[in-house]
Amino acid sequence: MARRILAMAMGALALAGCGGGADPAAVVDTVRQTEQSQLQSIASDDVVGIARLYADDAVLVRPDGTVLHGGAEIGAEYAALIDDPNFDLTIEPTGGWASANDDLAVLTSQVQFTTSDPETGEPVTLPMNSQTVWTKDPGGSWMIRSAYNVAQEVQAPAAE
C-alpha cells in the first residue's frame, strides 16, 4: 500500500513538471519591460545600465554588417554613440515569441536610429528592422544574446 501511494505521488510530481510552464505572452511582456529599462538607460546616458543587459558572449550586428562581441565592446560602442549630440533611438515593437520554459525569447522591432552625419553634423535617421534574442538562466535575469539590425531600404519619392 505504501508503495502504491509513493508511486502515485511520484507520478503526480512528474506530471506537474511536464506541462504548464510560463505563459509565452507574459514572458514577451516581461522581456519588453526589460527592454524598456535599457531604453531608459540610453535616454539617461547610463552606459553601465545599457551594457549590463548584454551577456558576456553577446553578439550585436550593426546595419553596416559590423559585428560587436561581448558586453564590454557593445558598451563601448554605446558610449561613443552617447557622445553624439544627435543620437536617438526609438523602438516600435512588431512581434515577439517566447518559450513556455521561461528561458528564451525573441523580440522584433522597427527602429529609428539617429546619429550625426560625419560631414555636415546634421541628424540622419536610419530606419532598421531589429531582432533580439534574449535568454534567462533559472533564477537569473533576462540577458541579450544577440541583436541583429538590418537597415530598411529607404524609398525615394515618386517622380511627379
Protein backbone atom coordinates (compact mmCIF):
# COMPACT_ATOMS: atom_id res chain seq x y z
CA MET A 1 0.00 0.00 0.00
CA ALA A 2 2.77 2.43 0.91
CA ARG A 3 4.49 1.69 -2.42
CA ARG A 4 1.28 2.44 -4.33
CA ILE A 5 0.86 5.81 -2.55
CA LEU A 6 4.53 6.63 -3.15
CA ALA A 7 4.22 5.68 -6.83
CA MET A 8 1.09 7.84 -7.22
CA ALA A 9 2.80 10.78 -5.50
CA MET A 10 5.89 10.44 -7.70
CA GLY A 11 3.68 10.25 -10.81
CA ALA A 12 1.82 13.41 -9.80
CA LEU A 13 5.10 15.23 -9.22
CA ALA A 14 6.40 14.10 -12.60
CA LEU A 15 3.23 15.27 -14.34
CA ALA A 16 3.38 18.62 -12.57
CA GLY A 17 6.77 19.26 -14.10
CA CYS A 18 5.71 18.30 -17.63
CA GLY A 19 3.03 20.74 -18.58
CA GLY A 20 2.20 24.31 -17.94
CA GLY A 21 5.26 26.41 -17.77
CA ALA A 22 5.24 30.12 -18.29
CA ASP A 23 2.69 31.96 -20.39
CA PRO A 24 4.66 32.94 -23.53
CA ALA A 25 2.72 36.20 -23.94
CA ALA A 26 3.52 37.18 -20.35
CA VAL A 27 7.18 36.31 -20.93
CA VAL A 28 7.28 38.56 -24.02
CA ASP A 29 5.72 41.37 -21.93
CA THR A 30 8.36 40.88 -19.22
CA VAL A 31 11.20 40.97 -21.74
CA ARG A 32 9.71 44.09 -23.37
CA GLN A 33 9.71 45.75 -19.92
CA THR A 34 13.37 44.79 -19.55
CA GLU A 35 14.00 46.30 -22.98
CA GLN A 36 12.30 49.50 -21.78
CA SER A 37 14.70 49.71 -18.84
CA GLN A 38 17.56 49.58 -21.36
CA LEU A 39 15.94 52.40 -23.37
CA GLN A 40 15.70 54.42 -20.15
CA SER A 41 19.42 53.82 -19.60
CA ILE A 42 20.08 55.06 -23.14
CA ALA A 43 17.96 58.17 -22.53
CA SER A 44 19.86 58.94 -19.33
CA ASP A 45 23.31 58.29 -20.89
CA ASP A 46 23.91 55.39 -18.48
CA VAL A 47 26.42 53.18 -20.33
CA VAL A 48 26.63 50.69 -17.44
CA GLY A 49 22.84 50.32 -17.47
CA ILE A 50 22.89 49.77 -21.22
CA ALA A 51 25.70 47.21 -21.23
CA ARG A 52 24.50 45.20 -18.21
CA LEU A 53 21.76 43.56 -20.28
CA TYR A 54 24.21 42.11 -22.80
CA ALA A 55 25.64 38.69 -21.96
CA ASP A 56 29.43 38.47 -21.84
CA ASP A 57 29.31 36.47 -25.07
CA ALA A 58 26.62 38.59 -26.76
CA VAL A 59 26.83 39.50 -30.44
CA LEU A 60 25.46 42.72 -31.91
CA VAL A 61 25.32 43.07 -35.69
CA ARG A 62 25.13 46.67 -36.84
CA PRO A 63 23.26 47.64 -40.03
CA ASP A 64 26.56 48.03 -41.90
CA GLY A 65 27.45 44.41 -41.08
CA THR A 66 30.00 45.25 -38.39
CA VAL A 67 29.85 42.67 -35.60
CA LEU A 68 30.48 43.62 -31.97
CA HIS A 69 31.33 40.86 -29.49
CA GLY A 70 30.60 40.91 -25.78
CA GLY A 71 29.02 43.33 -23.38
CA ALA A 72 32.21 45.38 -22.95
CA GLU A 73 32.65 46.04 -26.68
CA ILE A 74 28.94 46.76 -27.12
CA GLY A 75 29.02 49.12 -24.13
CA ALA A 76 31.99 50.98 -25.63
CA GLU A 77 30.02 51.45 -28.86
CA TYR A 78 27.09 52.88 -26.92
CA ALA A 79 29.46 55.21 -25.04
CA ALA A 80 30.61 56.61 -28.39
CA LEU A 81 27.00 56.98 -29.54
CA ILE A 82 26.02 58.83 -26.38
CA ASP A 83 28.73 61.40 -27.15
CA ASP A 84 26.90 62.16 -30.42
CA PRO A 85 24.57 65.14 -29.75
CA ASN A 86 22.05 63.82 -32.31
CA PHE A 87 21.97 60.23 -31.07
CA ASP A 88 18.44 58.97 -30.62
CA LEU A 89 16.92 55.51 -30.71
CA THR A 90 13.22 54.74 -30.87
CA ILE A 91 11.82 51.23 -30.94
CA GLU A 92 8.41 50.18 -32.23
CA PRO A 93 7.67 46.57 -31.25
CA THR A 94 6.48 44.43 -34.17
CA GLY A 95 6.42 40.94 -32.69
CA GLY A 96 7.75 38.56 -30.14
CA TRP A 97 7.98 34.91 -29.26
CA ALA A 98 8.88 33.18 -26.01
CA SER A 99 9.30 29.62 -24.87
CA ALA A 100 6.97 28.19 -22.27
CA ASN A 101 10.10 27.30 -20.27
CA ASP A 102 10.67 30.99 -19.42
CA ASP A 103 14.24 30.83 -20.73
CA LEU A 104 14.22 32.06 -24.35
CA ALA A 105 12.55 34.98 -26.10
CA VAL A 106 12.90 36.69 -29.46
CA LEU A 107 11.72 40.27 -29.98
CA THR A 108 11.32 42.01 -33.31
CA SER A 109 11.06 45.76 -33.75
CA GLN A 110 11.27 48.61 -36.17
CA VAL A 111 13.92 51.03 -35.03
CA GLN A 112 14.64 54.65 -35.88
CA PHE A 113 18.38 55.14 -35.30
CA THR A 114 19.52 58.76 -35.46
CA THR A 115 23.14 59.94 -35.45
CA SER A 116 25.09 62.89 -36.81
CA ASP A 117 26.21 62.92 -40.42
CA PRO A 118 30.03 62.92 -40.17
CA GLU A 119 30.37 65.56 -42.90
CA THR A 120 27.59 68.02 -42.03
CA GLY A 121 26.87 67.29 -38.37
CA GLU A 122 23.18 67.23 -39.24
CA PRO A 123 20.96 64.47 -37.82
CA VAL A 124 20.46 61.46 -40.07
CA THR A 125 17.89 58.79 -39.26
CA LEU A 126 18.31 55.22 -40.41
CA PRO A 127 15.18 53.05 -40.25
CA MET A 128 16.03 49.47 -39.28
CA ASN A 129 14.47 46.11 -38.56
CA SER A 130 15.82 44.53 -35.40
CA GLN A 131 15.66 41.02 -34.00
CA THR A 132 16.94 40.44 -30.47
CA VAL A 133 17.40 37.05 -28.82
CA TRP A 134 17.12 37.02 -25.03
CA THR A 135 17.87 34.15 -22.64
CA LYS A 136 17.45 33.63 -18.93
CA ASP A 137 19.12 31.09 -16.68
CA PRO A 138 16.96 29.61 -13.89
CA GLY A 139 16.70 32.23 -11.16
CA GLY A 140 18.60 34.72 -13.32
CA SER A 141 17.61 37.81 -15.24
CA TRP A 142 16.97 38.29 -18.93
CA MET A 143 20.11 38.88 -20.99
CA ILE A 144 20.60 39.78 -24.65
CA ARG A 145 22.49 37.04 -26.51
CA SER A 146 22.27 38.53 -29.98
CA ALA A 147 20.90 41.60 -31.69
CA TYR A 148 20.70 41.71 -35.46
CA ASN A 149 19.92 45.06 -37.09
CA VAL A 150 19.18 45.46 -40.79
CA ALA A 151 18.75 48.84 -42.47
CA GLN A 152 15.43 49.27 -44.24
CA GLU A 153 15.64 50.36 -47.80
CA VAL A 154 14.63 54.00 -48.00
CA GLN A 155 12.19 54.58 -50.83
CA ALA A 156 12.85 57.62 -52.99
CA PRO A 157 9.81 59.85 -53.51
CA ALA A 158 7.94 59.06 -56.71
CA ALA A 159 8.64 61.42 -59.59
CA GLU A 160 5.71 63.61 -60.49
